[in-house]
All heavy atoms as atom14 arrays in JSON, in Angstrom:
{
  "sequence": "AEVAGFVPFSAQTRISGADLAGGGEVRKGASDAILRHSGHIP",
  "atom14_mask": [
    [1, 1, 1, 1, 1, 0, 0, 0, 0, 0, 0, 0, 0, 0],
    [1, 1, 1, 1, 1, 1, 1, 1, 1, 0, 0, 0, 0, 0],
    [1, 1, 1, 1, 1, 1, 1, 0, 0, 0, 0, 0, 0, 0],
    [1, 1, 1, 1, 1, 0, 0, 0, 0, 0, 0, 0, 0, 0],
    [1, 1, 1, 1, 0, 0, 0, 0, 0, 0, 0, 0, 0, 0],
    [1, 1, 1, 1, 1, 1, 1, 1, 1, 1, 1, 0, 0, 0],
    [1, 1, 1, 1, 1, 1, 1, 0, 0, 0, 0, 0, 0, 0],
    [1, 1, 1, 1, 1, 1, 1, 0, 0, 0, 0, 0, 0, 0],
    [1, 1, 1, 1, 1, 1, 1, 1, 1, 1, 1, 0, 0, 0],
    [1, 1, 1, 1, 1, 1, 0, 0, 0, 0, 0, 0, 0, 0],
    [1, 1, 1, 1, 1, 0, 0, 0, 0, 0, 0, 0, 0, 0],
    [1, 1, 1, 1, 1, 1, 1, 1, 1, 0, 0, 0, 0, 0],
    [1, 1, 1, 1, 1, 1, 1, 0, 0, 0, 0, 0, 0, 0],
    [1, 1, 1, 1, 1, 1, 1, 1, 1, 1, 1, 0, 0, 0],
    [1, 1, 1, 1, 1, 1, 1, 1, 0, 0, 0, 0, 0, 0],
    [1, 1, 1, 1, 1, 1, 0, 0, 0, 0, 0, 0, 0, 0],
    [1, 1, 1, 1, 0, 0, 0, 0, 0, 0, 0, 0, 0, 0],
    [1, 1, 1, 1, 1, 0, 0, 0, 0, 0, 0, 0, 0, 0],
    [1, 1, 1, 1, 1, 1, 1, 1, 0, 0, 0, 0, 0, 0],
    [1, 1, 1, 1, 1, 1, 1, 1, 0, 0, 0, 0, 0, 0],
    [1, 1, 1, 1, 1, 0, 0, 0, 0, 0, 0, 0, 0, 0],
    [1, 1, 1, 1, 0, 0, 0, 0, 0, 0, 0, 0, 0, 0],
    [1, 1, 1, 1, 0, 0, 0, 0, 0, 0, 0, 0, 0, 0],
    [1, 1, 1, 1, 0, 0, 0, 0, 0, 0, 0, 0, 0, 0],
    [1, 1, 1, 1, 1, 1, 1, 1, 1, 0, 0, 0, 0, 0],
    [1, 1, 1, 1, 1, 1, 1, 0, 0, 0, 0, 0, 0, 0],
    [1, 1, 1, 1, 1, 1, 1, 1, 1, 1, 1, 0, 0, 0],
    [1, 1, 1, 1, 1, 1, 1, 1, 1, 0, 0, 0, 0, 0],
    [1, 1, 1, 1, 0, 0, 0, 0, 0, 0, 0, 0, 0, 0],
    [1, 1, 1, 1, 1, 0, 0, 0, 0, 0, 0, 0, 0, 0],
    [1, 1, 1, 1, 1, 1, 0, 0, 0, 0, 0, 0, 0, 0],
    [1, 1, 1, 1, 1, 1, 1, 1, 0, 0, 0, 0, 0, 0],
    [1, 1, 1, 1, 1, 0, 0, 0, 0, 0, 0, 0, 0, 0],
    [1, 1, 1, 1, 1, 1, 1, 1, 0, 0, 0, 0, 0, 0],
    [1, 1, 1, 1, 1, 1, 1, 1, 0, 0, 0, 0, 0, 0],
    [1, 1, 1, 1, 1, 1, 1, 1, 1, 1, 1, 0, 0, 0],
    [1, 1, 1, 1, 1, 1, 1, 1, 1, 1, 0, 0, 0, 0],
    [1, 1, 1, 1, 1, 1, 0, 0, 0, 0, 0, 0, 0, 0],
    [1, 1, 1, 1, 0, 0, 0, 0, 0, 0, 0, 0, 0, 0],
    [1, 1, 1, 1, 1, 1, 1, 1, 1, 1, 0, 0, 0, 0],
    [1, 1, 1, 1, 1, 1, 1, 1, 0, 0, 0, 0, 0, 0],
    [1, 1, 1, 1, 1, 1, 1, 0, 0, 0, 0, 0, 0, 0]
  ],
  "atom14_positions": [
    [[104.69, 110.63, 119.59], [104.56, 112.03, 119.15], [104.23, 112.12, 117.66], [103.78, 113.18, 117.18], [105.84, 112.79, 119.46], [0.0, 0.0, 0.0], [0.0, 0.0, 0.0], [0.0, 0.0, 0.0], [0.0, 0.0, 0.0], [0.0, 0.0, 0.0], [0.0, 0.0, 0.0], [0.0, 0.0, 0.0], [0.0, 0.0, 0.0], [0.0, 0.0, 0.0]],
    [[104.46, 111.07, 116.9], [104.21, 111.1, 115.46], [102.73, 110.97, 115.11], [102.32, 111.2, 113.98], [104.99, 109.98, 114.75], [106.5, 110.14, 114.84], [107.22, 109.07, 114.03], [106.59, 108.52, 113.1], [108.39, 108.78, 114.35], [0.0, 0.0, 0.0], [0.0, 0.0, 0.0], [0.0, 0.0, 0.0], [0.0, 0.0, 0.0], [0.0, 0.0, 0.0]],
    [[101.89, 110.53, 116.09], [100.47, 110.28, 115.82], [99.7, 111.6, 115.87], [99.74, 112.32, 116.86], [99.89, 109.28, 116.83], [98.4, 109.08, 116.58], [100.62, 107.95, 116.74], [0.0, 0.0, 0.0], [0.0, 0.0, 0.0], [0.0, 0.0, 0.0], [0.0, 0.0, 0.0], [0.0, 0.0, 0.0], [0.0, 0.0, 0.0], [0.0, 0.0, 0.0]],
    [[99.01, 111.9, 114.76], [98.22, 113.14, 114.7], [96.74, 112.88, 114.97], [96.05, 113.72, 115.55], [98.38, 113.8, 113.34], [0.0, 0.0, 0.0], [0.0, 0.0, 0.0], [0.0, 0.0, 0.0], [0.0, 0.0, 0.0], [0.0, 0.0, 0.0], [0.0, 0.0, 0.0], [0.0, 0.0, 0.0], [0.0, 0.0, 0.0], [0.0, 0.0, 0.0]],
    [[96.25, 111.72, 114.57], [94.83, 111.41, 114.79], [94.59, 109.92, 114.69], [95.29, 109.2, 113.96], [0.0, 0.0, 0.0], [0.0, 0.0, 0.0], [0.0, 0.0, 0.0], [0.0, 0.0, 0.0], [0.0, 0.0, 0.0], [0.0, 0.0, 0.0], [0.0, 0.0, 0.0], [0.0, 0.0, 0.0], [0.0, 0.0, 0.0], [0.0, 0.0, 0.0]],
    [[93.59, 109.47, 115.43], [93.28, 108.03, 115.47], [92.11, 107.72, 114.55], [91.12, 108.46, 114.52], [92.96, 107.6, 116.91], [92.55, 106.17, 117.04], [93.39, 105.14, 116.64], [91.31, 105.84, 117.58], [93.0, 103.81, 116.76], [90.92, 104.51, 117.7], [91.77, 103.49, 117.3], [0.0, 0.0, 0.0], [0.0, 0.0, 0.0], [0.0, 0.0, 0.0]],
    [[92.2, 106.61, 113.84], [91.12, 106.14, 112.98], [90.51, 104.91, 113.66], [91.13, 103.84, 113.67], [91.63, 105.78, 111.57], [90.49, 105.23, 110.71], [92.27, 106.99, 110.91], [0.0, 0.0, 0.0], [0.0, 0.0, 0.0], [0.0, 0.0, 0.0], [0.0, 0.0, 0.0], [0.0, 0.0, 0.0], [0.0, 0.0, 0.0], [0.0, 0.0, 0.0]],
    [[89.33, 105.04, 114.27], [88.77, 103.9, 115.02], [88.28, 102.79, 114.09], [87.95, 103.03, 112.92], [87.61, 104.53, 115.79], [87.2, 105.7, 114.97], [88.46, 106.22, 114.32], [0.0, 0.0, 0.0], [0.0, 0.0, 0.0], [0.0, 0.0, 0.0], [0.0, 0.0, 0.0], [0.0, 0.0, 0.0], [0.0, 0.0, 0.0], [0.0, 0.0, 0.0]],
    [[88.2, 101.6, 114.65], [87.69, 100.45, 113.9], [86.2, 100.62, 113.65], [85.46, 101.12, 114.49], [87.93, 99.17, 114.71], [87.34, 97.94, 114.09], [88.04, 97.22, 113.14], [86.07, 97.5, 114.45], [87.5, 96.08, 112.56], [85.51, 96.37, 113.88], [86.23, 95.66, 112.93], [0.0, 0.0, 0.0], [0.0, 0.0, 0.0], [0.0, 0.0, 0.0]],
    [[85.76, 100.19, 112.47], [84.33, 100.18, 112.17], [83.99, 98.86, 111.5], [84.84, 98.26, 110.82], [83.94, 101.35, 111.26], [84.39, 101.12, 109.93], [0.0, 0.0, 0.0], [0.0, 0.0, 0.0], [0.0, 0.0, 0.0], [0.0, 0.0, 0.0], [0.0, 0.0, 0.0], [0.0, 0.0, 0.0], [0.0, 0.0, 0.0], [0.0, 0.0, 0.0]],
    [[82.76, 98.43, 111.71], [82.33, 97.16, 111.13], [82.3, 97.23, 109.61], [82.42, 96.19, 108.94], [80.94, 96.8, 111.67], [0.0, 0.0, 0.0], [0.0, 0.0, 0.0], [0.0, 0.0, 0.0], [0.0, 0.0, 0.0], [0.0, 0.0, 0.0], [0.0, 0.0, 0.0], [0.0, 0.0, 0.0], [0.0, 0.0, 0.0], [0.0, 0.0, 0.0]],
    [[82.14, 98.43, 109.05], [82.08, 98.56, 107.6], [83.46, 98.41, 106.96], [83.64, 97.67, 105.99], [81.49, 99.93, 107.21], [79.99, 100.07, 107.49], [79.71, 100.23, 108.97], [80.54, 100.79, 109.71], [78.57, 99.74, 109.42], [0.0, 0.0, 0.0], [0.0, 0.0, 0.0], [0.0, 0.0, 0.0], [0.0, 0.0, 0.0], [0.0, 0.0, 0.0]],
    [[84.45, 99.09, 107.52], [85.8, 99.05, 106.92], [86.64, 97.9, 107.45], [87.52, 97.41, 106.76], [86.55, 100.36, 107.2], [86.75, 100.5, 108.62], [85.76, 101.56, 106.69], [0.0, 0.0, 0.0], [0.0, 0.0, 0.0], [0.0, 0.0, 0.0], [0.0, 0.0, 0.0], [0.0, 0.0, 0.0], [0.0, 0.0, 0.0], [0.0, 0.0, 0.0]],
    [[86.37, 97.47, 108.69], [87.16, 96.44, 109.4], [88.64, 96.84, 109.45], [89.53, 96.0, 109.35], [86.99, 95.07, 108.76], [85.58, 94.52, 108.9], [85.48, 93.1, 108.42], [85.73, 93.02, 107.0], [86.26, 91.95, 106.38], [86.6, 90.9, 107.09], [86.46, 91.95, 105.08], [0.0, 0.0, 0.0], [0.0, 0.0, 0.0], [0.0, 0.0, 0.0]],
    [[88.88, 98.14, 109.6], [90.23, 98.69, 109.63], [90.3, 99.72, 110.75], [89.32, 100.41, 111.04], [90.58, 99.39, 108.29], [90.76, 98.35, 107.17], [91.85, 100.23, 108.4], [90.97, 98.98, 105.8], [0.0, 0.0, 0.0], [0.0, 0.0, 0.0], [0.0, 0.0, 0.0], [0.0, 0.0, 0.0], [0.0, 0.0, 0.0], [0.0, 0.0, 0.0]],
    [[91.46, 99.82, 111.41], [91.73, 100.92, 112.34], [93.16, 101.37, 112.1], [93.93, 100.72, 111.4], [91.53, 100.48, 113.79], [92.47, 99.48, 114.14], [0.0, 0.0, 0.0], [0.0, 0.0, 0.0], [0.0, 0.0, 0.0], [0.0, 0.0, 0.0], [0.0, 0.0, 0.0], [0.0, 0.0, 0.0], [0.0, 0.0, 0.0], [0.0, 0.0, 0.0]],
    [[93.54, 102.49, 112.69], [94.91, 102.96, 112.49], [95.08, 104.39, 112.96], [94.35, 104.86, 113.85], [0.0, 0.0, 0.0], [0.0, 0.0, 0.0], [0.0, 0.0, 0.0], [0.0, 0.0, 0.0], [0.0, 0.0, 0.0], [0.0, 0.0, 0.0], [0.0, 0.0, 0.0], [0.0, 0.0, 0.0], [0.0, 0.0, 0.0], [0.0, 0.0, 0.0]],
    [[96.02, 105.08, 112.34], [96.33, 106.46, 112.74], [96.82, 107.25, 111.54], [97.44, 106.7, 110.62], [97.37, 106.46, 113.85], [0.0, 0.0, 0.0], [0.0, 0.0, 0.0], [0.0, 0.0, 0.0], [0.0, 0.0, 0.0], [0.0, 0.0, 0.0], [0.0, 0.0, 0.0], [0.0, 0.0, 0.0], [0.0, 0.0, 0.0], [0.0, 0.0, 0.0]],
    [[96.53, 108.54, 111.57], [97.12, 109.5, 110.62], [98.31, 110.14, 111.31], [98.24, 110.49, 112.5], [96.09, 110.56, 110.22], [94.94, 109.96, 109.42], [95.19, 109.0, 108.66], [93.78, 110.42, 109.59], [0.0, 0.0, 0.0], [0.0, 0.0, 0.0], [0.0, 0.0, 0.0], [0.0, 0.0, 0.0], [0.0, 0.0, 0.0], [0.0, 0.0, 0.0]],
    [[99.41, 110.29, 110.57], [100.67, 110.74, 111.16], [100.88, 112.24, 110.97], [100.34, 112.85, 110.03], [101.83, 109.96, 110.55], [101.72, 108.43, 110.65], [102.93, 107.76, 110.02], [101.56, 107.99, 112.1], [0.0, 0.0, 0.0], [0.0, 0.0, 0.0], [0.0, 0.0, 0.0], [0.0, 0.0, 0.0], [0.0, 0.0, 0.0], [0.0, 0.0, 0.0]],
    [[101.66, 112.81, 111.89], [101.91, 114.25, 111.87], [102.61, 114.67, 110.59], [102.41, 115.79, 110.09], [102.73, 114.64, 113.1], [0.0, 0.0, 0.0], [0.0, 0.0, 0.0], [0.0, 0.0, 0.0], [0.0, 0.0, 0.0], [0.0, 0.0, 0.0], [0.0, 0.0, 0.0], [0.0, 0.0, 0.0], [0.0, 0.0, 0.0], [0.0, 0.0, 0.0]],
    [[103.41, 113.81, 110.03], [104.15, 114.15, 108.81], [103.35, 113.97, 107.54], [103.88, 114.14, 106.45], [0.0, 0.0, 0.0], [0.0, 0.0, 0.0], [0.0, 0.0, 0.0], [0.0, 0.0, 0.0], [0.0, 0.0, 0.0], [0.0, 0.0, 0.0], [0.0, 0.0, 0.0], [0.0, 0.0, 0.0], [0.0, 0.0, 0.0], [0.0, 0.0, 0.0]],
    [[102.09, 113.57, 107.66], [101.24, 113.44, 106.49], [101.0, 112.01, 106.04], [100.17, 111.78, 105.15], [0.0, 0.0, 0.0], [0.0, 0.0, 0.0], [0.0, 0.0, 0.0], [0.0, 0.0, 0.0], [0.0, 0.0, 0.0], [0.0, 0.0, 0.0], [0.0, 0.0, 0.0], [0.0, 0.0, 0.0], [0.0, 0.0, 0.0], [0.0, 0.0, 0.0]],
    [[101.68, 111.06, 106.62], [101.48, 109.67, 106.23], [100.33, 109.03, 107.01], [99.62, 109.67, 107.79], [0.0, 0.0, 0.0], [0.0, 0.0, 0.0], [0.0, 0.0, 0.0], [0.0, 0.0, 0.0], [0.0, 0.0, 0.0], [0.0, 0.0, 0.0], [0.0, 0.0, 0.0], [0.0, 0.0, 0.0], [0.0, 0.0, 0.0], [0.0, 0.0, 0.0]],
    [[100.18, 107.71, 106.81], [99.15, 106.96, 107.53], [99.63, 105.55, 107.8], [100.51, 105.02, 107.1], [97.85, 106.89, 106.7], [98.01, 106.04, 105.43], [96.68, 105.74, 104.74], [95.77, 106.59, 104.79], [96.57, 104.64, 104.16], [0.0, 0.0, 0.0], [0.0, 0.0, 0.0], [0.0, 0.0, 0.0], [0.0, 0.0, 0.0], [0.0, 0.0, 0.0]],
    [[99.09, 104.94, 108.86], [99.29, 103.51, 109.13], [97.93, 102.9, 109.38], [97.05, 103.52, 110.0], [100.22, 103.27, 110.36], [101.67, 103.55, 110.02], [99.78, 104.1, 111.55], [0.0, 0.0, 0.0], [0.0, 0.0, 0.0], [0.0, 0.0, 0.0], [0.0, 0.0, 0.0], [0.0, 0.0, 0.0], [0.0, 0.0, 0.0], [0.0, 0.0, 0.0]],
    [[97.73, 101.7, 108.85], [96.46, 101.01, 109.0], [96.71, 99.54, 109.34], [97.7, 98.95, 108.89], [95.62, 101.1, 107.71], [95.23, 102.51, 107.3], [94.19, 103.1, 108.22], [93.67, 104.38, 107.73], [94.18, 105.56, 108.04], [95.24, 105.64, 108.86], [93.65, 106.67, 107.56], [0.0, 0.0, 0.0], [0.0, 0.0, 0.0], [0.0, 0.0, 0.0]],
    [[95.79, 98.99, 110.13], [95.83, 97.56, 110.43], [94.4, 97.04, 110.35], [93.44, 97.76, 110.64], [96.43, 97.28, 111.81], [95.59, 97.74, 112.99], [96.27, 97.39, 114.31], [95.35, 97.61, 115.51], [94.97, 99.0, 115.73], [0.0, 0.0, 0.0], [0.0, 0.0, 0.0], [0.0, 0.0, 0.0], [0.0, 0.0, 0.0], [0.0, 0.0, 0.0]],
    [[94.25, 95.76, 109.94], [92.91, 95.21, 109.84], [92.91, 93.86, 109.18], [93.96, 93.23, 108.96], [0.0, 0.0, 0.0], [0.0, 0.0, 0.0], [0.0, 0.0, 0.0], [0.0, 0.0, 0.0], [0.0, 0.0, 0.0], [0.0, 0.0, 0.0], [0.0, 0.0, 0.0], [0.0, 0.0, 0.0], [0.0, 0.0, 0.0], [0.0, 0.0, 0.0]],
    [[91.7, 93.38, 108.85], [91.56, 92.09, 108.19], [92.28, 92.11, 106.85], [92.38, 93.15, 106.18], [90.09, 91.76, 108.01], [0.0, 0.0, 0.0], [0.0, 0.0, 0.0], [0.0, 0.0, 0.0], [0.0, 0.0, 0.0], [0.0, 0.0, 0.0], [0.0, 0.0, 0.0], [0.0, 0.0, 0.0], [0.0, 0.0, 0.0], [0.0, 0.0, 0.0]],
    [[92.75, 90.95, 106.45], [93.57, 90.86, 105.24], [92.86, 91.43, 104.02], [93.41, 92.29, 103.31], [93.94, 89.39, 104.99], [94.6, 89.25, 103.76], [0.0, 0.0, 0.0], [0.0, 0.0, 0.0], [0.0, 0.0, 0.0], [0.0, 0.0, 0.0], [0.0, 0.0, 0.0], [0.0, 0.0, 0.0], [0.0, 0.0, 0.0], [0.0, 0.0, 0.0]],
    [[91.64, 91.0, 103.76], [90.94, 91.46, 102.56], [90.64, 92.95, 102.63], [90.66, 93.66, 101.62], [89.67, 90.66, 102.33], [88.7, 90.75, 103.52], [89.17, 90.96, 104.66], [87.48, 90.61, 103.32], [0.0, 0.0, 0.0], [0.0, 0.0, 0.0], [0.0, 0.0, 0.0], [0.0, 0.0, 0.0], [0.0, 0.0, 0.0], [0.0, 0.0, 0.0]],
    [[90.37, 93.48, 103.84], [90.07, 94.89, 103.99], [91.29, 95.76, 103.71], [91.2, 96.8, 103.04], [89.53, 95.17, 105.39], [0.0, 0.0, 0.0], [0.0, 0.0, 0.0], [0.0, 0.0, 0.0], [0.0, 0.0, 0.0], [0.0, 0.0, 0.0], [0.0, 0.0, 0.0], [0.0, 0.0, 0.0], [0.0, 0.0, 0.0], [0.0, 0.0, 0.0]],
    [[92.45, 95.35, 104.23], [93.68, 96.1, 104.0], [94.08, 96.04, 102.52], [94.52, 97.04, 101.93], [94.82, 95.56, 104.89], [94.55, 95.92, 106.36], [96.18, 96.12, 104.45], [94.64, 97.39, 106.69], [0.0, 0.0, 0.0], [0.0, 0.0, 0.0], [0.0, 0.0, 0.0], [0.0, 0.0, 0.0], [0.0, 0.0, 0.0], [0.0, 0.0, 0.0]],
    [[93.92, 94.87, 101.9], [94.24, 94.75, 100.48], [93.36, 95.67, 99.64], [93.82, 96.33, 98.7], [94.07, 93.29, 100.04], [95.12, 92.3, 100.55], [94.7, 90.87, 100.23], [96.49, 92.6, 99.93], [0.0, 0.0, 0.0], [0.0, 0.0, 0.0], [0.0, 0.0, 0.0], [0.0, 0.0, 0.0], [0.0, 0.0, 0.0], [0.0, 0.0, 0.0]],
    [[92.07, 95.73, 100.01], [91.15, 96.61, 99.29], [91.52, 98.08, 99.5], [91.49, 98.89, 98.57], [89.73, 96.32, 99.76], [88.65, 97.02, 98.95], [87.26, 96.46, 99.24], [86.95, 96.41, 100.67], [86.86, 95.28, 101.38], [87.07, 94.1, 100.79], [86.59, 95.31, 102.67], [0.0, 0.0, 0.0], [0.0, 0.0, 0.0], [0.0, 0.0, 0.0]],
    [[91.9, 98.42, 100.75], [92.25, 99.81, 101.07], [93.53, 100.23, 100.35], [93.64, 101.37, 99.86], [92.43, 99.95, 102.58], [92.97, 101.28, 103.01], [92.19, 102.42, 103.05], [94.23, 101.67, 103.39], [92.92, 103.45, 103.46], [94.17, 103.02, 103.66], [0.0, 0.0, 0.0], [0.0, 0.0, 0.0], [0.0, 0.0, 0.0], [0.0, 0.0, 0.0]],
    [[94.5, 99.33, 100.27], [95.8, 99.68, 99.69], [95.87, 99.45, 98.18], [96.83, 99.88, 97.53], [96.92, 98.9, 100.38], [96.7, 97.5, 100.19], [0.0, 0.0, 0.0], [0.0, 0.0, 0.0], [0.0, 0.0, 0.0], [0.0, 0.0, 0.0], [0.0, 0.0, 0.0], [0.0, 0.0, 0.0], [0.0, 0.0, 0.0], [0.0, 0.0, 0.0]],
    [[94.9, 98.74, 97.63], [94.87, 98.5, 96.19], [95.8, 97.4, 95.74], [96.16, 97.33, 94.56], [0.0, 0.0, 0.0], [0.0, 0.0, 0.0], [0.0, 0.0, 0.0], [0.0, 0.0, 0.0], [0.0, 0.0, 0.0], [0.0, 0.0, 0.0], [0.0, 0.0, 0.0], [0.0, 0.0, 0.0], [0.0, 0.0, 0.0], [0.0, 0.0, 0.0]],
    [[96.18, 96.5, 96.65], [97.09, 95.41, 96.3], [96.3, 94.13, 96.05], [95.14, 93.99, 96.46], [98.09, 95.15, 97.44], [99.13, 96.22, 97.58], [100.26, 96.27, 96.79], [99.2, 97.28, 98.42], [100.99, 97.31, 97.14], [100.37, 97.95, 98.14], [0.0, 0.0, 0.0], [0.0, 0.0, 0.0], [0.0, 0.0, 0.0], [0.0, 0.0, 0.0]],
    [[96.98, 93.18, 95.37], [96.46, 91.82, 95.29], [97.31, 90.97, 96.23], [98.48, 91.29, 96.47], [96.53, 91.27, 93.84], [97.98, 91.25, 93.34], [95.62, 92.07, 92.91], [98.15, 90.55, 92.0], [0.0, 0.0, 0.0], [0.0, 0.0, 0.0], [0.0, 0.0, 0.0], [0.0, 0.0, 0.0], [0.0, 0.0, 0.0], [0.0, 0.0, 0.0]],
    [[96.73, 89.91, 96.81], [97.48, 89.13, 97.8], [98.67, 88.41, 97.16], [98.53, 87.73, 96.15], [96.45, 88.13, 98.33], [95.42, 88.04, 97.26], [95.38, 89.38, 96.6], [0.0, 0.0, 0.0], [0.0, 0.0, 0.0], [0.0, 0.0, 0.0], [0.0, 0.0, 0.0], [0.0, 0.0, 0.0], [0.0, 0.0, 0.0], [0.0, 0.0, 0.0]]
  ]
}
């Protein structure tokens, strides 16, 4: 019930996930893609 919308996988982002009803987000994907999306260093 917490899932508000689905973010499909794309070859450009190499990430998929969901936007949550409470305003947050969850993402899963290749290591370098997630690091780039979240702004972290490994």
